[in-house]
PDB file of N, CA and C in Angstrom:
ATOM      1  N   LEU A   1       0.688  -0.902  -0.084  1.00  0.00           N
ATOM      2  CA  LEU A   1       0.048  -0.274  -0.157  1.00  0.00           C
ATOM      3  C   LEU A   1       0.616   1.435   0.170  1.00  0.00           C
ATOM      4  N   GLY A   2       2.076   0.870   0.235  1.00  0.00           N
ATOM      5  CA  GLY A   2       2.704   2.033   0.460  1.00  0.00           C
ATOM      6  C   GLY A   2       2.958   3.467   1.580  1.00  0.00           C
ATOM      7  N   ILE A   3       2.252   3.110   2.604  1.00  0.00           N
ATOM      8  CA  ILE A   3       1.936   3.346   3.785  1.00  0.00           C
ATOM      9  C   ILE A   3       3.153   3.607   4.951  1.00  0.00           C
ATOM     10  N   PRO A   4       3.565   4.507   4.783  1.00  0.00           N
ATOM     11  CA  PRO A   4       5.042   4.671   5.973  1.00  0.00           C
ATOM     12  C   PRO A   4       4.807   3.875   7.052  1.00  0.00           C
ATOM     13  N   ALA A   5       5.111   3.301   7.747  1.00  0.00           N
ATOM     14  CA  ALA A   5       5.086   2.523   8.964  1.00  0.00           C
ATOM     15  C   ALA A   5       4.785   3.162  10.084  1.00  0.00           C
ATOM     16  N   ASP A   6       5.196   4.681  10.518  1.00  0.00           N
ATOM     17  CA  ASP A   6       5.010   5.222  11.659  1.00  0.00           C
ATOM     18  C   ASP A   6       3.782   5.857  11.406  1.00  0.00           C
ATOM     19  N   LYS A   7       2.871   5.995  10.225  1.00  0.00           N
ATOM     20  CA  LYS A   7       1.751   6.554  10.227  1.00  0.00           C
ATOM     21  C   LYS A   7       0.753   5.269  10.457  1.00  0.00           C
ATOM     22  N   ALA A   8       1.012   3.953   9.849  1.00  0.00           N
ATOM     23  CA  ALA A   8       0.096   2.808  10.410  1.00  0.00           C
ATOM     24  C   ALA A   8       0.598   2.994  11.916  1.00  0.00           C
ATOM     25  N   VAL A   9       1.221   3.186  12.498  1.00  0.00           N
ATOM     26  CA  VAL A   9       1.516   2.968  13.932  1.00  0.00           C
ATOM     27  C   VAL A   9       0.584   4.026  14.854  1.00  0.00           C
ATOM     28  N   HIS A  10       0.556   5.735  14.196  1.00  0.00           N
ATOM     29  CA  HIS A  10      -0.052   6.842  14.832  1.00  0.00           C
ATOM     30  C   HIS A  10      -2.219   6.124  14.359  1.00  0.00           C
ATOM     31  N   PHE A  11      -2.218   5.666  13.393  1.00  0.00           N
ATOM     32  CA  PHE A  11      -3.523   5.137  12.880  1.00  0.00           C
ATOM     33  C   PHE A  11      -4.026   4.510  14.032  1.00  0.00           C
ATOM     34  N   LEU A  12      -3.076   3.294  14.453  1.00  0.00           N
ATOM     35  CA  LEU A  12      -3.366   2.066  15.304  1.00  0.00           C
ATOM     36  C   LEU A  12      -3.633   2.616  16.675  1.00  0.00           C
ATOM     37  N   MET A  13      -2.629   3.461  16.720  1.00  0.00           N
ATOM     38  CA  MET A  13      -2.630   3.820  18.591  1.00  0.00           C
ATOM     39  C   MET A  13      -4.105   4.938  18.840  1.00  0.00           C
ATOM     40  N   PHE A  14      -4.251   5.478  17.469  1.00  0.00           N
ATOM     41  CA  PHE A  14      -5.647   6.366  17.809  1.00  0.00           C
ATOM     42  C   PHE A  14      -7.057   5.548  17.528  1.00  0.00           C
ATOM     43  N   PHE A  15      -6.855   4.682  16.748  1.00  0.00           N
ATOM     44  CA  PHE A  15      -8.095   4.356  16.430  1.00  0.00           C
ATOM     45  C   PHE A  15      -9.179   3.761  17.537  1.00  0.00           C
ATOM     46  N   PRO A  16      -8.725   3.256  18.561  1.00  0.00           N
ATOM     47  CA  PRO A  16      -9.002   2.729  19.589  1.00  0.00           C
ATOM     48  C   PRO A  16      -9.715   3.458  20.336  1.00  0.00           C
ATOM     49  N   LEU A  17      -8.848   4.967  20.483  1.00  0.00           N
ATOM     50  CA  LEU A  17      -9.095   6.307  21.385  1.00  0.00           C
ATOM     51  C   LEU A  17     -11.249   6.480  21.409  1.00  0.00           C
ATOM     52  N   PRO A  18     -11.636   6.977  20.615  1.00  0.00           N
ATOM     53  CA  PRO A  18     -12.925   7.109  20.377  1.00  0.00           C
ATOM     54  C   PRO A  18     -13.775   6.007  20.795  1.00  0.00           C
ATOM     55  N   ILE A  19     -13.276   4.651  20.440  1.00  0.00           N
ATOM     56  CA  ILE A  19     -14.454   3.872  20.650  1.00  0.00           C
ATOM     57  C   ILE A  19     -14.600   3.234  22.155  1.00  0.00           C
ATOM     58  N   ILE A  20     -13.494   3.348  22.882  1.00  0.00           N
ATOM     59  CA  ILE A  20     -13.239   3.811  24.537  1.00  0.00           C
ATOM     60  C   ILE A  20     -13.673   4.569  24.934  1.00  0.00           C
ATOM     61  N   ALA A  21     -13.095   6.105  24.526  1.00  0.00           N
ATOM     62  CA  ALA A  21     -13.738   7.388  25.345  1.00  0.00           C
ATOM     63  C   ALA A  21     -15.416   6.979  25.081  1.00  0.00           C
ATOM     64  N   PHE A  22     -15.979   6.733  23.877  1.00  0.00           N
ATOM     65  CA  PHE A  22     -17.706   6.723  23.760  1.00  0.00           C
ATOM     66  C   PHE A  22     -18.333   5.876  24.866  1.00  0.00           C
ATOM     67  N   PHE A  23     -17.330   4.604  24.526  1.00  0.00           N
ATOM     68  CA  PHE A  23     -18.569   3.237  25.773  1.00  0.00           C
ATOM     69  C   PHE A  23     -18.515   3.544  27.067  1.00  0.00           C
ATOM     70  N   ALA A  24     -17.075   4.715  27.470  1.00  0.00           N
ATOM     71  CA  ALA A  24     -17.210   4.888  28.718  1.00  0.00           C
ATOM     72  C   ALA A  24     -17.491   6.339  29.348  1.00  0.00           C
ATOM     73  N   LEU A  25     -17.839   7.216  28.467  1.00  0.00           N
ATOM     74  CA  LEU A  25     -18.480   8.109  28.373  1.00  0.00           C
ATOM     75  C   LEU A  25     -19.680   8.904  28.108  1.00  0.00           C
ATOM     76  N   GLY A  26     -19.865   8.167  26.703  1.00  0.00           N
ATOM     77  CA  GLY A  26     -20.553   8.714  25.977  1.00  0.00           C
ATOM     78  C   GLY A  26     -22.395   8.346  26.305  1.00  0.00           C
ATOM     79  N   ARG A  27     -23.154   8.829  25.307  1.00  0.00           N
ATOM     80  CA  ARG A  27     -24.517   8.639  25.947  1.00  0.00           C
ATOM     81  C   ARG A  27     -25.082   7.258  25.248  1.00  0.00           C
ATOM     82  N   LYS A  28     -25.004   6.059  25.522  1.00  0.00           N
ATOM     83  CA  LYS A  28     -25.060   4.787  24.720  1.00  0.00           C
ATOM     84  C   LYS A  28     -26.725   4.882  24.314  1.00  0.00           C
ATOM     85  N   ASN A  29     -27.570   4.734  25.460  1.00  0.00           N
ATOM     86  CA  ASN A  29     -29.088   5.143  25.549  1.00  0.00           C
ATOM     87  C   ASN A  29     -29.422   6.141  25.054  1.00  0.00           C
ATOM     88  N   GLY A  30     -29.114   7.281  24.456  1.00  0.00           N
ATOM     89  CA  GLY A  30     -30.166   8.168  24.208  1.00  0.00           C
ATOM     90  C   GLY A  30     -30.845   8.160  23.163  1.00  0.00           C
ATOM     91  N   SER A  31     -31.425   9.349  22.426  1.00  0.00           N
ATOM     92  CA  SER A  31     -31.461   9.342  21.251  1.00  0.00           C
ATOM     93  C   SER A  31     -30.586   9.465  20.039  1.00  0.00           C
ATOM     94  N   THR A  32     -30.611   8.818  18.864  1.00  0.00           N
ATOM     95  CA  THR A  32     -29.914   9.028  17.874  1.00  0.00           C
ATOM     96  C   THR A  32     -29.184  10.507  17.693  1.00  0.00           C
ATOM     97  N   LEU A  33     -29.692  11.345  18.050  1.00  0.00           N
ATOM     98  CA  LEU A  33     -28.861  12.754  17.829  1.00  0.00           C
ATOM     99  C   LEU A  33     -28.731  12.544  18.949  1.00  0.00           C
ATOM    100  N   GLU A  34     -29.203  12.101  20.099  1.00  0.00           N
ATOM    101  CA  GLU A  34     -27.676  12.756  21.342  1.00  0.00           C
ATOM    102  C   GLU A  34     -26.574  11.493  21.256  1.00  0.00           C
ATOM    103  N   VAL A  35     -26.874  10.375  20.485  1.00  0.00           N
ATOM    104  CA  VAL A  35     -25.694   9.869  20.451  1.00  0.00           C
ATOM    105  C   VAL A  35     -24.673  10.205  19.542  1.00  0.00           C
ATOM    106  N   VAL A  36     -24.814  10.647  18.319  1.00  0.00           N
ATOM    107  CA  VAL A  36     -24.134  11.548  17.294  1.00  0.00           C
ATOM    108  C   VAL A  36     -23.772  12.576  18.010  1.00  0.00           C
ATOM    109  N   GLY A  37     -24.527  13.521  19.095  1.00  0.00           N
ATOM    110  CA  GLY A  37     -23.143  14.563  19.298  1.00  0.00           C
ATOM    111  C   GLY A  37     -22.519  13.841  20.261  1.00  0.00           C
ATOM    112  N   SER A  38     -22.869  12.789  21.254  1.00  0.00           N
ATOM    113  CA  SER A  38     -21.667  12.035  21.844  1.00  0.00           C
ATOM    114  C   SER A  38     -20.750  12.019  21.059  1.00  0.00           C
ATOM    115  N   ILE A  39     -21.259  11.036  19.870  1.00  0.00           N
ATOM    116  CA  ILE A  39     -19.577  10.535  18.978  1.00  0.00           C
ATOM    117  C   ILE A  39     -19.101  11.912  18.209  1.00  0.00           C
ATOM    118  N   ILE A  40     -19.611  12.932  17.641  1.00  0.00           N
ATOM    119  CA  ILE A  40     -18.832  14.008  17.501  1.00  0.00           C
ATOM    120  C   ILE A  40     -18.190  14.867  18.774  1.00  0.00           C
ATOM    121  N   SER A  41     -18.612  14.734  19.946  1.00  0.00           N
ATOM    122  CA  SER A  41     -17.820  15.380  20.997  1.00  0.00           C
ATOM    123  C   SER A  41     -16.572  14.548  21.108  1.00  0.00           C
ATOM    124  N   VAL A  42     -16.625  13.252  21.205  1.00  0.00           N
ATOM    125  CA  VAL A  42     -15.509  12.499  21.323  1.00  0.00           C
ATOM    126  C   VAL A  42     -14.578  12.416  20.370  1.00  0.00           C
ATOM    127  N   ALA A  43     -15.145  12.325  19.253  1.00  0.00           N
ATOM    128  CA  ALA A  43     -13.890  12.376  18.072  1.00  0.00           C
ATOM    129  C   ALA A  43     -13.320  14.179  17.916  1.00  0.00           C
ATOM    130  N   ALA A  44     -13.820  15.231  18.736  1.00  0.00           N
ATOM    131  CA  ALA A  44     -13.189  16.181  18.159  1.00  0.00           C
ATOM    132  C   ALA A  44     -12.900  16.403  19.544  1.00  0.00           C
ATOM    133  N   PHE A  45     -12.405  16.120  20.686  1.00  0.00           N
ATOM    134  CA  PHE A  45     -11.730  15.992  21.697  1.00  0.00           C
ATOM    135  C   PHE A  45     -10.523  14.907  21.430  1.00  0.00           C
ATOM    136  N   SER A  46     -10.995  14.220  20.684  1.00  0.00           N
ATOM    137  CA  SER A  46      -9.470  12.970  20.399  1.00  0.00           C
ATOM    138  C   SER A  46      -8.661  13.427  19.446  1.00  0.00           C
ATOM    139  N   CYS A  47      -9.527  14.565  18.497  1.00  0.00           N
ATOM    140  CA  CYS A  47      -8.656  15.096  17.384  1.00  0.00           C
ATOM    141  C   CYS A  47      -7.678  16.410  18.005  1.00  0.00           C
ATOM    142  N   VAL A  48      -8.514  16.809  19.231  1.00  0.00           N
ATOM    143  CA  VAL A  48      -7.607  18.241  19.615  1.00  0.00           C
ATOM    144  C   VAL A  48      -6.712  17.281  20.437  1.00  0.00           C
ATOM    145  N   LEU A  49      -6.636  16.239  20.969  1.00  0.00           N
ATOM    146  CA  LEU A  49      -5.317  15.292  21.594  1.00  0.00           C
ATOM    147  C   LEU A  49      -4.352  15.241  20.881  1.00  0.00           C
ATOM    148  N   ALA A  50      -4.845  14.633  19.850  1.00  0.00           N
ATOM    149  CA  ALA A  50      -4.066  14.512  19.090  1.00  0.00           C
ATOM    150  C   ALA A  50      -2.840  15.556  18.153  1.00  0.00           C
ATOM    151  N   GLY A  51      -3.494  16.536  18.131  1.00  0.00           N
ATOM    152  CA  GLY A  51      -3.263  17.820  17.754  1.00  0.00           C
ATOM    153  C   GLY A  51      -2.001  18.413  19.089  1.00  0.00           C
ATOM    154  N   ILE A  52      -2.434  18.509  20.068  1.00  0.00           N
ATOM    155  CA  ILE A  52      -1.555  18.608  21.346  1.00  0.00           C
ATOM    156  C   ILE A  52      -0.515  17.411  21.467  1.00  0.00           C
ATOM    157  N   THR A  53      -0.451  16.353  21.468  1.00  0.00           N
ATOM    158  CA  THR A  53       0.533  15.497  21.302  1.00  0.00           C
ATOM    159  C   THR A  53       1.980  15.918  20.051  1.00  0.00           C
ATOM    160  N   GLU A  54       1.194  16.144  18.769  1.00  0.00           N
ATOM    161  CA  GLU A  54       1.919  16.832  17.585  1.00  0.00           C
ATOM    162  C   GLU A  54       2.611  18.268  18.143  1.00  0.00           C
ATOM    163  N   ILE A  55       2.113  19.010  18.614  1.00  0.00           N
ATOM    164  CA  ILE A  55       2.645  20.141  19.064  1.00  0.00           C
ATOM    165  C   ILE A  55       3.988  19.915  20.449  1.00  0.00           C
ATOM    166  N   VAL A  56       3.395  18.961  21.117  1.00  0.00           N
ATOM    167  CA  VAL A  56       4.385  18.896  22.222  1.00  0.00           C
ATOM    168  C   VAL A  56       5.670  17.953  21.488  1.00  0.00           C
ATOM    169  N   GLN A  57       5.481  17.094  20.978  1.00  0.00           N
ATOM    170  CA  GLN A  57       6.355  16.674  20.153  1.00  0.00           C
ATOM    171  C   GLN A  57       7.688  17.651  19.587  1.00  0.00           C
ATOM    172  N   GLY A  58       6.828  18.731  18.950  1.00  0.00           N
ATOM    173  CA  GLY A  58       7.949  19.636  18.281  1.00  0.00           C
ATOM    174  C   GLY A  58       8.491  20.358  18.893  1.00  0.00           C
ATOM    175  N   THR A  59       8.491  20.354  19.996  1.00  0.00           N
ATOM    176  CA  THR A  59       9.193  20.766  21.680  1.00  0.00           C
ATOM    177  C   THR A  59      10.196  20.509  22.153  1.00  0.00           C
ATOM    178  N   LEU A  60      10.172  18.937  21.963  1.00  0.00           N
ATOM    179  CA  LEU A  60      11.483  17.964  22.718  1.00  0.00           C
ATOM    180  C   LEU A  60      12.338  17.852  21.225  1.00  0.00           C
ATOM    181  N   PRO A  61      13.761  17.829  21.731  1.00  0.00           N
ATOM    182  CA  PRO A  61      14.637  17.923  21.057  1.00  0.00           C
ATOM    183  C   PRO A  61      14.940  16.278  20.234  1.00  0.00           C
ATOM    184  N   TYR A  62      14.740  15.274  20.628  1.00  0.00           N
ATOM    185  CA  TYR A  62      14.738  14.264  20.426  1.00  0.00           C
ATOM    186  C   TYR A  62      13.375  13.548  19.015  1.00  0.00           C
ATOM    187  N   ARG A  63      12.614  14.331  19.242  1.00  0.00           N
ATOM    188  CA  ARG A  63      11.453  14.135  18.362  1.00  0.00           C
ATOM    189  C   ARG A  63      11.045  15.079  17.833  1.00  0.00           C
ATOM    190  N   SER A  64       9.684  14.987  16.527  1.00  0.00           N
ATOM    191  CA  SER A  64       9.341  16.163  15.709  1.00  0.00           C
ATOM    192  C   SER A  64       8.071  16.210  15.374  1.00  0.00           C
ATOM    193  N   GLU A  65       7.487  17.088  14.956  1.00  0.00           N
ATOM    194  CA  GLU A  65       6.265  17.258  14.943  1.00  0.00           C
ATOM    195  C   GLU A  65       5.946  17.197  13.277  1.00  0.00           C
ATOM    196  N   ASP A  66       4.753  16.373  12.731  1.00  0.00           N
ATOM    197  CA  ASP A  66       4.743  16.418  11.713  1.00  0.00           C
ATOM    198  C   ASP A  66       2.785  15.881  11.734  1.00  0.00           C
ATOM    199  N   ILE A  67       2.946  17.119  10.463  1.00  0.00           N
ATOM    200  CA  ILE A  67       1.393  17.056  10.184  1.00  0.00           C
ATOM    201  C   ILE A  67       0.640  15.898   9.808  1.00  0.00           C
ATOM    202  N   ASN A  68       1.626  15.013   8.812  1.00  0.00           N
ATOM    203  CA  ASN A  68       0.706  14.031   8.433  1.00  0.00           C
ATOM    204  C   ASN A  68       0.706  12.696   9.572  1.00  0.00           C
ATOM    205  N   ASP A  69       1.562  12.615  10.605  1.00  0.00           N
ATOM    206  CA  ASP A  69       1.110  12.003  11.922  1.00  0.00           C
ATOM    207  C   ASP A  69      -0.182  12.335  12.229  1.00  0.00           C
ATOM    208  N   PHE A  70      -0.680  13.571  12.293  1.00  0.00           N
ATOM    209  CA  PHE A  70      -1.706  14.472  13.211  1.00  0.00           C
ATOM    210  C   PHE A  70      -2.693  14.034  11.647  1.00  0.00           C
ATOM    211  N   LYS A  71      -2.554  13.840  10.800  1.00  0.00           N
ATOM    212  CA  LYS A  71      -3.479  13.853   9.906  1.00  0.00           C
ATOM    213  C   LYS A  71      -4.155  11.919   9.703  1.00  0.00           C
ATOM    214  N   ALA A  72      -2.890  11.149   9.854  1.00  0.00           N
ATOM    215  CA  ALA A  72      -3.218   9.899  10.335  1.00  0.00           C
ATOM    216  C   ALA A  72      -4.528   9.532  11.640  1.00  0.00           C
ATOM    217  N   ASP A  73      -3.767  10.307  12.419  1.00  0.00           N
ATOM    218  CA  ASP A  73      -4.343  10.065  13.688  1.00  0.00           C
ATOM    219  C   ASP A  73      -5.637  10.666  13.425  1.00  0.00           C
ATOM    220  N   CYS A  74      -6.644  11.554  12.905  1.00  0.00           N
ATOM    221  CA  CYS A  74      -7.446  12.014  12.735  1.00  0.00           C
ATOM    222  C   CYS A  74      -8.419  11.552  11.986  1.00  0.00           C
ATOM    223  N   LEU A  75      -7.488  10.466  11.246  1.00  0.00           N
ATOM    224  CA  LEU A  75      -8.097   9.579   9.953  1.00  0.00           C
ATOM    225  C   LEU A  75      -8.679   8.383  10.861  1.00  0.00           C
ATOM    226  N   ALA A  76      -7.905   8.033  11.715  1.00  0.00           N
ATOM    227  CA  ALA A  76      -8.536   6.713  12.763  1.00  0.00           C
ATOM    228  C   ALA A  76      -9.432   7.206  13.455  1.00  0.00           C
ATOM    229  N   ILE A  77      -9.444   8.215  14.190  1.00  0.00           N
ATOM    230  CA  ILE A  77     -10.344   9.047  14.886  1.00  0.00           C
ATOM    231  C   ILE A  77     -11.854   9.148  14.212  1.00  0.00           C
ATOM    232  N   VAL A  78     -12.077   9.269  13.119  1.00  0.00           N
ATOM    233  CA  VAL A  78     -12.852   9.655  12.277  1.00  0.00           C
ATOM    234  C   VAL A  78     -13.614   8.315  11.804  1.00  0.00           C
ATOM    235  N   LEU A  79     -12.783   7.350  11.342  1.00  0.00           N
ATOM    236  CA  LEU A  79     -13.193   6.026  10.742  1.00  0.00           C
ATOM    237  C   LEU A  79     -13.548   5.349  12.101  1.00  0.00           C
ATOM    238  N   ALA A  80     -13.110   5.121  13.217  1.00  0.00           N
ATOM    239  CA  ALA A  80     -13.276   4.643  14.640  1.00  0.00           C
ATOM    240  C   ALA A  80     -14.876   4.839  14.755  1.00  0.00           C
ATOM    241  N   SER A  81     -15.009   6.852  15.058  1.00  0.00           N
ATOM    242  CA  SER A  81     -16.464   7.365  15.116  1.00  0.00           C
ATOM    243  C   SER A  81     -17.331   6.631  14.350  1.00  0.00           C
ATOM    244  N   ILE A  82     -17.128   6.801  13.163  1.00  0.00           N
ATOM    245  CA  ILE A  82     -18.168   5.920  12.089  1.00  0.00           C
ATOM    246  C   ILE A  82     -18.406   4.802  12.585  1.00  0.00           C
ATOM    247  N   ALA A  83     -17.427   3.749  13.074  1.00  0.00           N
ATOM    248  CA  ALA A  83     -17.955   2.575  13.271  1.00  0.00           C
ATOM    249  C   ALA A  83     -18.871   2.490  14.577  1.00  0.00           C
ATOM    250  N   VAL A  84     -18.562   3.436  15.615  1.00  0.00           N
ATOM    251  CA  VAL A  84     -19.011   3.679  16.894  1.00  0.00           C
ATOM    252  C   VAL A  84     -20.392   3.928  15.868  1.00  0.00           C
ATOM    253  N   LEU A  85     -20.859   4.827  15.176  1.00  0.00           N
ATOM    254  CA  LEU A  85     -22.397   5.051  14.903  1.00  0.00           C
ATOM    255  C   LEU A  85     -22.846   3.708  14.223  1.00  0.00           C
ATOM    256  N   ILE A  86     -22.138   3.200  13.215  1.00  0.00           N
ATOM    257  CA  ILE A  86     -22.682   2.180  12.695  1.00  0.00           C
ATOM    258  C   ILE A  86     -23.192   1.041  13.966  1.00  0.00           C
ATOM    259  N   VAL A  87     -22.813   0.295  14.909  1.00  0.00           N
ATOM    260  CA  VAL A  87     -22.809  -0.211  15.682  1.00  0.00           C
ATOM    261  C   VAL A  87     -24.111   0.272  16.183  1.00  0.00           C
ATOM    262  N   HIS A  88     -23.950   1.341  17.114  1.00  0.00           N
ATOM    263  CA  HIS A  88     -25.100   1.998  17.669  1.00  0.00           C
ATOM    264  C   HIS A  88     -26.683   1.710  16.456  1.00  0.00           C
ATOM    265  N   LEU A  89     -26.405   2.062  15.490  1.00  0.00           N
ATOM    266  CA  LEU A  89     -27.534   2.381  14.724  1.00  0.00           C
ATOM    267  C   LEU A  89     -28.272   0.871  13.905  1.00  0.00           C
ATOM    268  N   ILE A  90     -27.117  -0.085  14.253  1.00  0.00           N
ATOM    269  CA  ILE A  90     -27.395  -1.521  13.964  1.00  0.00           C
ATOM    270  C   ILE A  90     -28.299  -2.301  15.120  1.00  0.00           C
ATOM    271  N   ARG A  91     -27.119  -1.535  16.632  1.00  0.00           N
ATOM    272  CA  ARG A  91     -28.148  -1.741  18.246  1.00  0.00           C
ATOM    273  C   ARG A  91     -29.354  -1.555  18.107  1.00  0.00           C
ATOM    274  N   SER A  92     -29.815  -0.195  17.438  1.00  0.00           N
ATOM    275  CA  SER A  92     -31.183   0.508  17.875  1.00  0.00           C
ATOM    276  C   SER A  92     -31.695  -0.197  16.940  1.00  0.00           C
ATOM    277  N   ARG A  93     -31.854  -0.593  15.764  1.00  0.00           N
ATOM    278  CA  ARG A  93     -32.550  -1.149  15.138  1.00  0.00           C
ATOM    279  C   ARG A  93     -32.796  -2.352  15.477  1.00  0.00           C
ATOM    280  N   LYS A  94     -32.240  -3.376  16.260  1.00  0.00           N
ATOM    281  CA  LYS A  94     -32.463  -4.701  16.493  1.00  0.00           C
ATOM    282  C   LYS A  94     -33.261  -4.432  17.480  1.00  0.00           C
ATOM    283  N   LYS A  95     -32.949  -3.138  18.348  1.00  0.00           N
ATOM    284  CA  LYS A  95     -33.983  -3.044  19.521  1.00  0.00           C
ATOM    285  C   LYS A  95     -35.391  -2.764  19.908  1.00  0.00           C
ATOM    286  N   HIS A  96     -35.594  -2.137  18.167  1.00  0.00           N
ATOM    287  CA  HIS A  96     -36.546  -1.560  17.838  1.00  0.00           C
ATOM    288  C   HIS A  96     -37.205  -2.758  17.205  1.00  0.00           C
ATOM    289  N   HIS A  97     -36.658  -3.510  16.436  1.00  0.00           N
ATOM    290  CA  HIS A  97     -37.794  -4.825  15.898  1.00  0.00           C
ATOM    291  C   HIS A  97     -38.023  -6.098  16.532  1.00  0.00           C
ATOM    292  N   LYS A  98     -37.720  -5.534  18.078  1.00  0.00           N
ATOM    293  CA  LYS A  98     -37.902  -6.826  18.935  1.00  0.00           C
ATOM    294  C   LYS A  98     -39.674  -6.384  19.328  1.00  0.00           C
TER     295      LYS A  98
END
């Protein structure tokens, strides 16, 4: 695929973050709109955290900041957030069809 190893590592490190955060903190039993709001909040916070980690790395003498690392982090966050939404919609549909 030609994806640099460090970008894949960034993706894999940040992919679980919104999933864990949503199920620990999010509104899992609210309306779909409330759940979407929680997912967006978790994703936004996660992207801010990813940005902060890159900025901090830029201040360290043995590290460097890289916008492409941030992009890999945010891509993972967005895809994981979409997965959370899909799981919620499937569970919600099953619950309403019983």
